[in-house]
Amino acid sequence: MIPKIVDTKFLNEKAAKAKTFIKKIKQILSLGEEEFSKNPMYSDRTKYYLVVLTDELEQIACHILEVYFQQKFNEKCLEKLASEEILDAKLSRSLYDLYKLKETLLKENMVYTPENMYHTVSDIISTLDKLLILELAQILKELKEKQPSLKVPVNFKKVNQHISTIKSNLLKLDTFLKYPEEEFLNTPMFIDRSRYFIVVITDSSLWICRHLLRKLGERKTDDCFYKLWEKNIIDKDTADLLGYFASNRELFANPTKNINLKEFYTKLKLSKDIYIKFIKSILKYVLEEIK
């Protein structure tokens, strides 16, 4: 896959939301311990803001870890980030404390006295308010410096999304292609679903192809795959098969239109290997263009 690249817009949006919840919690805490303790509404609101704050920070942590380690992270990212020597030690401790506090608050029958909550939350929020944005700005700078600089400025996020779409639909398509040809050709559902999946695959491969050509200065992207072949980015077999699906895209997308089923099945049987080769060729070209 293309290296995971830091998404500045995403991090800025999440950081802004986190900052908003930190501010709301600070406003409640500024009322003082006595007022906080005697009015249940304040502790309830604080619990809510803590949960949503932790959720926003969890998404930030997952993204940072994915870029830092170049692998997928789906859960317990805040805990993982806090355990790594990536952020300031004091901030890491507060993030870990926040993660554990949220877990405690969500447990049934787990009661935090208002006094305990006030002091625990005050310590965490004070540190987050002082260090979070500063540390995020620093880690963002470091990640940007480490990420590959490409001669062809492709949109990493979008390309990866379309690669994932191609791969997931190839897997779905493979479910039907495991059946013998005769059974496939005599099962309308297999044909209809296969037509749908190959159209989705075609759309994503066309997006990648056109996007790359535009980044290479091509204004016209007709016969997209053959232009990639002419540039020695993909081979002739790949251009031929992907060109076949692209030229028949509208036909396959219309379930009321008849198609040459034997030819369709034959081409589909070739599709998995060829599309995987297409993906590898695109990535190889992009990665070869690193400065």
C-alpha atoms as a PDB file:
ATOM      1  CA  MET A   1       0.000   0.000   0.000  1.00  0.00           C
ATOM      2  CA  ILE A   2       0.978   3.631  -0.376  1.00  0.00           C
ATOM      3  CA  PRO A   3       2.559   4.876   2.872  1.00  0.00           C
ATOM      4  CA  LYS A   4       0.045   6.253   5.345  1.00  0.00           C
ATOM      5  CA  ILE A   5       0.347  10.031   5.230  1.00  0.00           C
ATOM      6  CA  VAL A   6      -0.605  12.470   7.960  1.00  0.00           C
ATOM      7  CA  ASP A   7      -4.018  14.047   7.368  1.00  0.00           C
ATOM      8  CA  THR A   8      -3.547  17.618   8.586  1.00  0.00           C
ATOM      9  CA  LYS A   9      -7.155  18.632   8.017  1.00  0.00           C
ATOM     10  CA  PHE A  10      -8.458  15.657   9.986  1.00  0.00           C
ATOM     11  CA  LEU A  11      -6.102  16.282  12.910  1.00  0.00           C
ATOM     12  CA  ASN A  12      -6.920  19.993  12.992  1.00  0.00           C
ATOM     13  CA  GLU A  13     -10.660  19.289  13.036  1.00  0.00           C
ATOM     14  CA  LYS A  14     -10.335  16.721  15.821  1.00  0.00           C
ATOM     15  CA  ALA A  15      -7.982  18.940  17.829  1.00  0.00           C
ATOM     16  CA  ALA A  16     -10.439  21.840  17.565  1.00  0.00           C
ATOM     17  CA  LYS A  17     -13.257  19.648  18.884  1.00  0.00           C
ATOM     18  CA  ALA A  18     -11.060  18.372  21.711  1.00  0.00           C
ATOM     19  CA  LYS A  19     -10.137  21.942  22.626  1.00  0.00           C
ATOM     20  CA  THR A  20     -13.838  22.855  22.757  1.00  0.00           C
ATOM     21  CA  PHE A  21     -14.624  20.058  25.217  1.00  0.00           C
ATOM     22  CA  ILE A  22     -11.587  20.936  27.328  1.00  0.00           C
ATOM     23  CA  LYS A  23     -12.881  24.508  27.507  1.00  0.00           C
ATOM     24  CA  LYS A  24     -16.360  23.346  28.542  1.00  0.00           C
ATOM     25  CA  ILE A  25     -14.927  21.181  31.326  1.00  0.00           C
ATOM     26  CA  LYS A  26     -12.701  24.041  32.497  1.00  0.00           C
ATOM     27  CA  GLN A  27     -15.736  26.314  32.739  1.00  0.00           C
ATOM     28  CA  ILE A  28     -17.475  23.830  35.017  1.00  0.00           C
ATOM     29  CA  LEU A  29     -14.386  23.304  37.169  1.00  0.00           C
ATOM     30  CA  SER A  30     -13.936  27.063  37.511  1.00  0.00           C
ATOM     31  CA  LEU A  31     -17.101  27.122  39.649  1.00  0.00           C
ATOM     32  CA  GLY A  32     -15.045  25.575  42.431  1.00  0.00           C
ATOM     33  CA  GLU A  33     -15.058  22.271  44.280  1.00  0.00           C
ATOM     34  CA  GLU A  34     -17.908  23.163  46.622  1.00  0.00           C
ATOM     35  CA  GLU A  35     -20.321  24.178  43.860  1.00  0.00           C
ATOM     36  CA  PHE A  36     -19.257  21.189  41.746  1.00  0.00           C
ATOM     37  CA  SER A  37     -19.845  18.769  44.634  1.00  0.00           C
ATOM     38  CA  LYS A  38     -23.284  19.948  45.699  1.00  0.00           C
ATOM     39  CA  ASN A  39     -24.857  20.154  42.230  1.00  0.00           C
ATOM     40  CA  PRO A  40     -25.110  16.720  40.482  1.00  0.00           C
ATOM     41  CA  MET A  41     -25.704  18.444  37.151  1.00  0.00           C
ATOM     42  CA  TYR A  42     -22.069  19.565  37.003  1.00  0.00           C
ATOM     43  CA  SER A  43     -20.595  16.113  37.551  1.00  0.00           C
ATOM     44  CA  ASP A  44     -23.030  14.640  35.005  1.00  0.00           C
ATOM     45  CA  ARG A  45     -22.052  17.208  32.385  1.00  0.00           C
ATOM     46  CA  THR A  46     -18.398  16.666  33.150  1.00  0.00           C
ATOM     47  CA  LYS A  47     -18.783  12.913  32.649  1.00  0.00           C
ATOM     48  CA  TYR A  48     -20.413  13.505  29.279  1.00  0.00           C
ATOM     49  CA  TYR A  49     -17.741  15.952  28.120  1.00  0.00           C
ATOM     50  CA  LEU A  50     -14.995  13.595  29.307  1.00  0.00           C
ATOM     51  CA  VAL A  51     -16.422  10.720  27.274  1.00  0.00           C
ATOM     52  CA  VAL A  52     -16.741  12.722  24.048  1.00  0.00           C
ATOM     53  CA  LEU A  53     -13.335  14.341  24.630  1.00  0.00           C
ATOM     54  CA  THR A  54     -11.760  10.907  25.010  1.00  0.00           C
ATOM     55  CA  ASP A  55     -13.467   9.730  21.813  1.00  0.00           C
ATOM     56  CA  GLU A  56     -12.021  12.665  19.852  1.00  0.00           C
ATOM     57  CA  LEU A  57      -8.548  12.077  21.300  1.00  0.00           C
ATOM     58  CA  GLU A  58      -8.849   8.354  20.521  1.00  0.00           C
ATOM     59  CA  GLN A  59      -9.318   9.176  16.829  1.00  0.00           C
ATOM     60  CA  ILE A  60      -6.341  11.525  16.916  1.00  0.00           C
ATOM     61  CA  ALA A  61      -4.236   8.845  18.606  1.00  0.00           C
ATOM     62  CA  CYS A  62      -5.216   6.170  16.054  1.00  0.00           C
ATOM     63  CA  HIS A  63      -4.230   8.414  13.156  1.00  0.00           C
ATOM     64  CA  ILE A  64      -0.893   9.360  14.712  1.00  0.00           C
ATOM     65  CA  LEU A  65      -0.082   5.709  15.420  1.00  0.00           C
ATOM     66  CA  GLU A  66      -1.027   4.629  11.891  1.00  0.00           C
ATOM     67  CA  VAL A  67       1.292   7.196  10.342  1.00  0.00           C
ATOM     68  CA  TYR A  68       4.042   6.616  12.896  1.00  0.00           C
ATOM     69  CA  PHE A  69       4.068   2.810  12.656  1.00  0.00           C
ATOM     70  CA  GLN A  70       2.611   2.449   9.133  1.00  0.00           C
ATOM     71  CA  GLN A  71      -0.038  -0.049  10.184  1.00  0.00           C
ATOM     72  CA  LYS A  72      -3.731  -0.072  11.056  1.00  0.00           C
ATOM     73  CA  PHE A  73      -4.926   0.754  14.566  1.00  0.00           C
ATOM     74  CA  ASN A  74      -8.612   0.444  15.477  1.00  0.00           C
ATOM     75  CA  GLU A  75      -8.858   0.404  19.253  1.00  0.00           C
ATOM     76  CA  LYS A  76      -7.117   1.358  22.481  1.00  0.00           C
ATOM     77  CA  CYS A  77      -5.107   3.910  20.523  1.00  0.00           C
ATOM     78  CA  LEU A  78      -5.002   6.443  23.344  1.00  0.00           C
ATOM     79  CA  GLU A  79      -3.610   3.840  25.709  1.00  0.00           C
ATOM     80  CA  LYS A  80      -1.065   2.753  23.084  1.00  0.00           C
ATOM     81  CA  LEU A  81      -0.006   6.322  22.284  1.00  0.00           C
ATOM     82  CA  ALA A  82       0.418   7.106  25.976  1.00  0.00           C
ATOM     83  CA  SER A  83       2.696   4.088  26.400  1.00  0.00           C
ATOM     84  CA  GLU A  84       4.978   5.070  23.514  1.00  0.00           C
ATOM     85  CA  GLU A  85       7.690   7.707  23.818  1.00  0.00           C
ATOM     86  CA  ILE A  86       6.081   9.875  21.163  1.00  0.00           C
ATOM     87  CA  LEU A  87       4.524  12.712  23.172  1.00  0.00           C
ATOM     88  CA  ASP A  88       5.650  14.682  26.209  1.00  0.00           C
ATOM     89  CA  ALA A  89       5.822  12.393  29.269  1.00  0.00           C
ATOM     90  CA  LYS A  90       3.484  14.545  31.354  1.00  0.00           C
ATOM     91  CA  LEU A  91       0.918  14.738  28.567  1.00  0.00           C
ATOM     92  CA  SER A  92       1.186  10.978  28.008  1.00  0.00           C
ATOM     93  CA  ARG A  93       0.399  10.326  31.674  1.00  0.00           C
ATOM     94  CA  SER A  94      -2.644  12.594  31.525  1.00  0.00           C
ATOM     95  CA  LEU A  95      -3.892  10.898  28.355  1.00  0.00           C
ATOM     96  CA  TYR A  96      -3.501   7.513  30.016  1.00  0.00           C
ATOM     97  CA  ASP A  97      -5.326   8.773  33.130  1.00  0.00           C
ATOM     98  CA  LEU A  98      -8.109  10.136  30.933  1.00  0.00           C
ATOM     99  CA  TYR A  99      -8.416   6.816  29.089  1.00  0.00           C
ATOM    100  CA  LYS A 100      -8.677   4.899  32.375  1.00  0.00           C
ATOM    101  CA  LEU A 101     -11.086   7.447  33.841  1.00  0.00           C
ATOM    102  CA  LYS A 102     -13.446   7.036  30.896  1.00  0.00           C
ATOM    103  CA  GLU A 103     -13.336   3.250  31.296  1.00  0.00           C
ATOM    104  CA  THR A 104     -14.179   3.631  34.977  1.00  0.00           C
ATOM    105  CA  LEU A 105     -17.021   6.081  34.343  1.00  0.00           C
ATOM    106  CA  LEU A 106     -18.639   3.746  31.806  1.00  0.00           C
ATOM    107  CA  LYS A 107     -18.634   0.736  34.110  1.00  0.00           C
ATOM    108  CA  GLU A 108     -21.940  -0.151  35.710  1.00  0.00           C
ATOM    109  CA  ASN A 109     -22.296   0.678  39.399  1.00  0.00           C
ATOM    110  CA  MET A 110     -18.954   2.477  39.375  1.00  0.00           C
ATOM    111  CA  VAL A 111     -19.411   5.661  41.358  1.00  0.00           C
ATOM    112  CA  TYR A 112     -16.920   8.509  41.544  1.00  0.00           C
ATOM    113  CA  THR A 113     -17.552  10.885  44.428  1.00  0.00           C
ATOM    114  CA  PRO A 114     -17.852  14.498  43.223  1.00  0.00           C
ATOM    115  CA  GLU A 115     -14.797  15.416  45.303  1.00  0.00           C
ATOM    116  CA  ASN A 116     -12.625  12.697  43.746  1.00  0.00           C
ATOM    117  CA  MET A 117     -13.864  13.510  40.273  1.00  0.00           C
ATOM    118  CA  TYR A 118     -13.206  17.220  40.713  1.00  0.00           C
ATOM    119  CA  HIS A 119      -9.562  16.765  41.670  1.00  0.00           C
ATOM    120  CA  THR A 120      -8.828  13.969  39.178  1.00  0.00           C
ATOM    121  CA  VAL A 121     -10.405  15.832  36.283  1.00  0.00           C
ATOM    122  CA  SER A 122      -8.763  19.124  37.291  1.00  0.00           C
ATOM    123  CA  ASP A 123      -5.299  17.579  37.061  1.00  0.00           C
ATOM    124  CA  ILE A 124      -5.988  15.948  33.691  1.00  0.00           C
ATOM    125  CA  ILE A 125      -7.641  18.968  32.099  1.00  0.00           C
ATOM    126  CA  SER A 126      -4.971  21.362  33.337  1.00  0.00           C
ATOM    127  CA  THR A 127      -2.279  19.329  31.574  1.00  0.00           C
ATOM    128  CA  LEU A 128      -4.302  18.847  28.389  1.00  0.00           C
ATOM    129  CA  ASP A 129      -5.087  22.552  28.224  1.00  0.00           C
ATOM    130  CA  LYS A 130      -1.412  23.493  28.493  1.00  0.00           C
ATOM    131  CA  LEU A 131       0.230  20.806  26.381  1.00  0.00           C
ATOM    132  CA  LEU A 132      -2.174  19.094  23.964  1.00  0.00           C
ATOM    133  CA  ILE A 133      -2.179  21.585  21.082  1.00  0.00           C
ATOM    134  CA  LEU A 134       1.540  22.330  21.436  1.00  0.00           C
ATOM    135  CA  GLU A 135       2.441  18.641  21.361  1.00  0.00           C
ATOM    136  CA  LEU A 136       0.117  17.895  18.446  1.00  0.00           C
ATOM    137  CA  ALA A 137       1.702  20.713  16.457  1.00  0.00           C
ATOM    138  CA  GLN A 138       5.150  19.277  17.183  1.00  0.00           C
ATOM    139  CA  ILE A 139       4.251  15.682  16.301  1.00  0.00           C
ATOM    140  CA  LEU A 140       2.508  16.913  13.136  1.00  0.00           C
ATOM    141  CA  LYS A 141       5.708  18.684  12.104  1.00  0.00           C
ATOM    142  CA  GLU A 142       7.818  15.588  12.813  1.00  0.00           C
ATOM    143  CA  LEU A 143       5.494  13.254  10.918  1.00  0.00           C
ATOM    144  CA  LYS A 144       5.444  15.561   7.897  1.00  0.00           C
ATOM    145  CA  GLU A 145       9.236  15.652   7.843  1.00  0.00           C
ATOM    146  CA  LYS A 146       9.415  11.835   7.840  1.00  0.00           C
ATOM    147  CA  GLN A 147       6.748  11.141   5.242  1.00  0.00           C
ATOM    148  CA  PRO A 148       7.791  10.464   1.634  1.00  0.00           C
ATOM    149  CA  SER A 149       7.968  13.388  -0.731  1.00  0.00           C
ATOM    150  CA  LEU A 150       6.559  12.333  -4.096  1.00  0.00           C
ATOM    151  CA  LYS A 151       7.359  13.750  -7.494  1.00  0.00           C
ATOM    152  CA  VAL A 152       3.799  12.914  -8.512  1.00  0.00           C
ATOM    153  CA  PRO A 153       1.609  14.557  -5.839  1.00  0.00           C
ATOM    154  CA  VAL A 154      -1.130  11.933  -5.768  1.00  0.00           C
ATOM    155  CA  ASN A 155      -3.860  12.156  -3.174  1.00  0.00           C
ATOM    156  CA  PHE A 156      -2.723   9.368  -0.831  1.00  0.00           C
ATOM    157  CA  LYS A 157      -5.946   9.208   1.100  1.00  0.00           C
ATOM    158  CA  LYS A 158      -8.164   8.937  -1.979  1.00  0.00           C
ATOM    159  CA  VAL A 159      -5.900   6.477  -3.782  1.00  0.00           C
ATOM    160  CA  ASN A 160      -5.855   4.234  -0.732  1.00  0.00           C
ATOM    161  CA  GLN A 161      -9.639   4.410  -0.454  1.00  0.00           C
ATOM    162  CA  HIS A 162     -10.051   3.311  -4.066  1.00  0.00           C
ATOM    163  CA  ILE A 163      -7.463   0.555  -3.690  1.00  0.00           C
ATOM    164  CA  SER A 164      -9.415  -0.737  -0.686  1.00  0.00           C
ATOM    165  CA  THR A 165     -12.624  -0.604  -2.727  1.00  0.00           C
ATOM    166  CA  ILE A 166     -11.043  -2.603  -5.543  1.00  0.00           C
ATOM    167  CA  LYS A 167      -9.675  -5.247  -3.185  1.00  0.00           C
ATOM    168  CA  SER A 168     -12.874  -5.655  -1.176  1.00  0.00           C
ATOM    169  CA  ASN A 169     -15.005  -6.029  -4.310  1.00  0.00           C
ATOM    170  CA  LEU A 170     -12.546  -8.487  -5.840  1.00  0.00           C
ATOM    171  CA  LEU A 171     -13.071 -10.637  -2.754  1.00  0.00           C
ATOM    172  CA  LYS A 172     -16.842 -10.409  -3.169  1.00  0.00           C
ATOM    173  CA  LEU A 173     -16.535 -11.248  -6.850  1.00  0.00           C
ATOM    174  CA  ASP A 174     -14.337 -14.228  -6.059  1.00  0.00           C
ATOM    175  CA  THR A 175     -17.201 -15.760  -4.074  1.00  0.00           C
ATOM    176  CA  PHE A 176     -19.157 -16.294  -7.293  1.00  0.00           C
ATOM    177  CA  LEU A 177     -16.199 -17.143  -9.515  1.00  0.00           C
ATOM    178  CA  LYS A 178     -15.435 -20.182  -7.363  1.00  0.00           C
ATOM    179  CA  TYR A 179     -18.453 -21.894  -8.897  1.00  0.00           C
ATOM    180  CA  PRO A 180     -18.079 -23.894 -12.140  1.00  0.00           C
ATOM    181  CA  GLU A 181     -18.662 -21.919 -15.328  1.00  0.00           C
ATOM    182  CA  GLU A 182     -21.924 -23.686 -16.197  1.00  0.00           C
ATOM    183  CA  GLU A 183     -23.412 -23.045 -12.755  1.00  0.00           C
ATOM    184  CA  PHE A 184     -22.300 -19.402 -12.860  1.00  0.00           C
ATOM    185  CA  LEU A 185     -23.813 -18.832 -16.309  1.00  0.00           C
ATOM    186  CA  ASN A 186     -27.123 -20.391 -15.252  1.00  0.00           C
ATOM    187  CA  THR A 187     -27.496 -18.451 -12.004  1.00  0.00           C
ATOM    188  CA  PRO A 188     -28.936 -14.950 -12.619  1.00  0.00           C
ATOM    189  CA  MET A 189     -28.022 -13.764  -9.125  1.00  0.00           C
ATOM    190  CA  PHE A 190     -24.347 -14.620  -9.686  1.00  0.00           C
ATOM    191  CA  ILE A 191     -24.367 -12.682 -12.938  1.00  0.00           C
ATOM    192  CA  ASP A 192     -26.207  -9.649 -11.526  1.00  0.00           C
ATOM    193  CA  ARG A 193     -23.983  -9.347  -8.461  1.00  0.00           C
ATOM    194  CA  SER A 194     -20.843  -9.860 -10.537  1.00  0.00           C
ATOM    195  CA  ARG A 195     -21.916  -7.098 -12.904  1.00  0.00           C
ATOM    196  CA  TYR A 196     -22.378  -4.780  -9.945  1.00  0.00           C
ATOM    197  CA  PHE A 197     -19.029  -5.631  -8.336  1.00  0.00           C
ATOM    198  CA  ILE A 198     -17.045  -5.243 -11.553  1.00  0.00           C
ATOM    199  CA  VAL A 199     -18.636  -1.837 -12.179  1.00  0.00           C
ATOM    200  CA  VAL A 200     -17.572  -0.684  -8.707  1.00  0.00           C
ATOM    201  CA  ILE A 201     -14.062  -2.026  -9.349  1.00  0.00           C
ATOM    202  CA  THR A 202     -13.966  -0.331 -12.747  1.00  0.00           C
ATOM    203  CA  ASP A 203     -15.037   3.024 -11.299  1.00  0.00           C
ATOM    204  CA  SER A 204     -12.303   2.943  -8.665  1.00  0.00           C
ATOM    205  CA  SER A 205      -9.603   1.862 -11.114  1.00  0.00           C
ATOM    206  CA  LEU A 206     -10.675   4.614 -13.519  1.00  0.00           C
ATOM    207  CA  TRP A 207     -10.488   7.174 -10.723  1.00  0.00           C
ATOM    208  CA  ILE A 208      -6.932   6.113  -9.878  1.00  0.00           C
ATOM    209  CA  CYS A 209      -5.936   6.097 -13.545  1.00  0.00           C
ATOM    210  CA  ARG A 210      -7.386   9.531 -14.335  1.00  0.00           C
ATOM    211  CA  HIS A 211      -6.077  11.035 -11.114  1.00  0.00           C
ATOM    212  CA  LEU A 212      -2.537   9.856 -11.859  1.00  0.00           C
ATOM    213  CA  LEU A 213      -2.670  11.038 -15.471  1.00  0.00           C
ATOM    214  CA  ARG A 214      -3.861  14.493 -14.410  1.00  0.00           C
ATOM    215  CA  LYS A 215      -1.023  14.695 -11.901  1.00  0.00           C
ATOM    216  CA  LEU A 216       1.324  13.813 -14.764  1.00  0.00           C
ATOM    217  CA  GLY A 217      -0.017  16.742 -16.783  1.00  0.00           C
ATOM    218  CA  GLU A 218      -2.455  14.888 -19.068  1.00  0.00           C
ATOM    219  CA  ARG A 219      -5.544  16.983 -19.757  1.00  0.00           C
ATOM    220  CA  LYS A 220      -7.415  14.286 -21.649  1.00  0.00           C
ATOM    221  CA  THR A 221      -7.944  10.985 -19.883  1.00  0.00           C
ATOM    222  CA  ASP A 222      -9.841   9.084 -22.579  1.00  0.00           C
ATOM    223  CA  ASP A 223      -8.417   5.588 -23.135  1.00  0.00           C
ATOM    224  CA  CYS A 224      -6.952   6.047 -19.690  1.00  0.00           C
ATOM    225  CA  PHE A 225      -5.392   2.623 -19.234  1.00  0.00           C
ATOM    226  CA  TYR A 226      -3.714   2.634 -22.643  1.00  0.00           C
ATOM    227  CA  LYS A 227      -2.122   5.962 -21.776  1.00  0.00           C
ATOM    228  CA  LEU A 228      -0.696   4.369 -18.639  1.00  0.00           C
ATOM    229  CA  TRP A 229       0.643   1.555 -20.837  1.00  0.00           C
ATOM    230  CA  GLU A 230       2.209   4.081 -23.231  1.00  0.00           C
ATOM    231  CA  LYS A 231       3.975   5.625 -20.230  1.00  0.00           C
ATOM    232  CA  ASN A 232       5.229   2.163 -19.168  1.00  0.00           C
ATOM    233  CA  ILE A 233       3.307   2.356 -15.901  1.00  0.00           C
ATOM    234  CA  ILE A 234       1.222  -0.772 -16.584  1.00  0.00           C
ATOM    235  CA  ASP A 235       1.709  -3.608 -19.092  1.00  0.00           C
ATOM    236  CA  LYS A 236      -0.341  -4.318 -22.215  1.00  0.00           C
ATOM    237  CA  ASP A 237      -2.322  -7.214 -20.692  1.00  0.00           C
ATOM    238  CA  THR A 238      -3.435  -4.989 -17.829  1.00  0.00           C
ATOM    239  CA  ALA A 239      -4.366  -2.147 -20.177  1.00  0.00           C
ATOM    240  CA  ASP A 240      -6.342  -4.533 -22.399  1.00  0.00           C
ATOM    241  CA  LEU A 241      -8.424  -6.095 -19.628  1.00  0.00           C
ATOM    242  CA  LEU A 242      -9.066  -2.876 -17.703  1.00  0.00           C
ATOM    243  CA  GLY A 243      -9.833  -1.157 -20.997  1.00  0.00           C
ATOM    244  CA  TYR A 244     -12.362  -3.897 -21.774  1.00  0.00           C
ATOM    245  CA  PHE A 245     -14.204  -3.380 -18.489  1.00  0.00           C
ATOM    246  CA  ALA A 246     -14.037   0.413 -18.833  1.00  0.00           C
ATOM    247  CA  SER A 247     -15.448   0.395 -22.376  1.00  0.00           C
ATOM    248  CA  ASN A 248     -18.283  -1.922 -21.294  1.00  0.00           C
ATOM    249  CA  ARG A 249     -18.937  -0.181 -17.998  1.00  0.00           C
ATOM    250  CA  GLU A 250     -22.335   1.272 -18.985  1.00  0.00           C
ATOM    251  CA  LEU A 251     -23.443  -2.054 -20.470  1.00  0.00           C
ATOM    252  CA  PHE A 252     -22.562  -4.003 -17.330  1.00  0.00           C
ATOM    253  CA  ALA A 253     -24.163  -1.347 -15.120  1.00  0.00           C
ATOM    254  CA  ASN A 254     -27.549  -1.763 -16.808  1.00  0.00           C
ATOM    255  CA  PRO A 255     -29.110  -5.066 -15.659  1.00  0.00           C
ATOM    256  CA  THR A 256     -31.740  -4.834 -18.418  1.00  0.00           C
ATOM    257  CA  LYS A 257     -29.079  -5.099 -21.128  1.00  0.00           C
ATOM    258  CA  ASN A 258     -27.965  -8.495 -22.401  1.00  0.00           C
ATOM    259  CA  ILE A 259     -24.267  -9.292 -22.420  1.00  0.00           C
ATOM    260  CA  ASN A 260     -22.040 -12.009 -23.840  1.00  0.00           C
ATOM    261  CA  LEU A 261     -22.016 -14.184 -20.740  1.00  0.00           C
ATOM    262  CA  LYS A 262     -19.231 -16.533 -21.794  1.00  0.00           C
ATOM    263  CA  GLU A 263     -16.930 -13.631 -22.622  1.00  0.00           C
ATOM    264  CA  PHE A 264     -17.953 -11.880 -19.395  1.00  0.00           C
ATOM    265  CA  TYR A 265     -17.139 -14.952 -17.325  1.00  0.00           C
ATOM    266  CA  THR A 266     -13.792 -15.462 -19.071  1.00  0.00           C
ATOM    267  CA  LYS A 267     -12.773 -11.855 -18.454  1.00  0.00           C
ATOM    268  CA  LEU A 268     -13.896 -12.009 -14.827  1.00  0.00           C
ATOM    269  CA  LYS A 269     -11.730 -15.071 -14.217  1.00  0.00           C
ATOM    270  CA  LEU A 270      -8.724 -12.984 -15.262  1.00  0.00           C
ATOM    271  CA  SER A 271      -9.757  -9.922 -13.305  1.00  0.00           C
ATOM    272  CA  LYS A 272      -8.386 -10.693  -9.838  1.00  0.00           C
ATOM    273  CA  ASP A 273      -4.774 -11.236 -10.895  1.00  0.00           C
ATOM    274  CA  ILE A 274      -4.843  -8.368 -13.376  1.00  0.00           C
ATOM    275  CA  TYR A 275      -6.353  -5.827 -10.976  1.00  0.00           C
ATOM    276  CA  ILE A 276      -3.881  -6.783  -8.259  1.00  0.00           C
ATOM    277  CA  LYS A 277      -1.109  -6.329 -10.826  1.00  0.00           C
ATOM    278  CA  PHE A 278      -2.595  -2.929 -11.706  1.00  0.00           C
ATOM    279  CA  ILE A 279      -2.499  -1.864  -8.056  1.00  0.00           C
ATOM    280  CA  LYS A 280       1.090  -3.040  -7.638  1.00  0.00           C
ATOM    281  CA  SER A 281       2.166  -1.270 -10.827  1.00  0.00           C
ATOM    282  CA  ILE A 282       0.608   2.017  -9.740  1.00  0.00           C
ATOM    283  CA  LEU A 283       2.191   1.824  -6.300  1.00  0.00           C
ATOM    284  CA  LYS A 284       5.561   0.817  -7.726  1.00  0.00           C
ATOM    285  CA  TYR A 285       5.495   3.790 -10.068  1.00  0.00           C
ATOM    286  CA  VAL A 286       4.467   6.245  -7.382  1.00  0.00           C
ATOM    287  CA  LEU A 287       7.037   4.938  -4.918  1.00  0.00           C
ATOM    288  CA  GLU A 288       9.761   5.007  -7.570  1.00  0.00           C
ATOM    289  CA  GLU A 289       9.032   8.674  -7.979  1.00  0.00           C
ATOM    290  CA  ILE A 290      10.133   9.524  -4.429  1.00  0.00           C
ATOM    291  CA  LYS A 291      12.658  12.339  -4.570  1.00  0.00           C
END
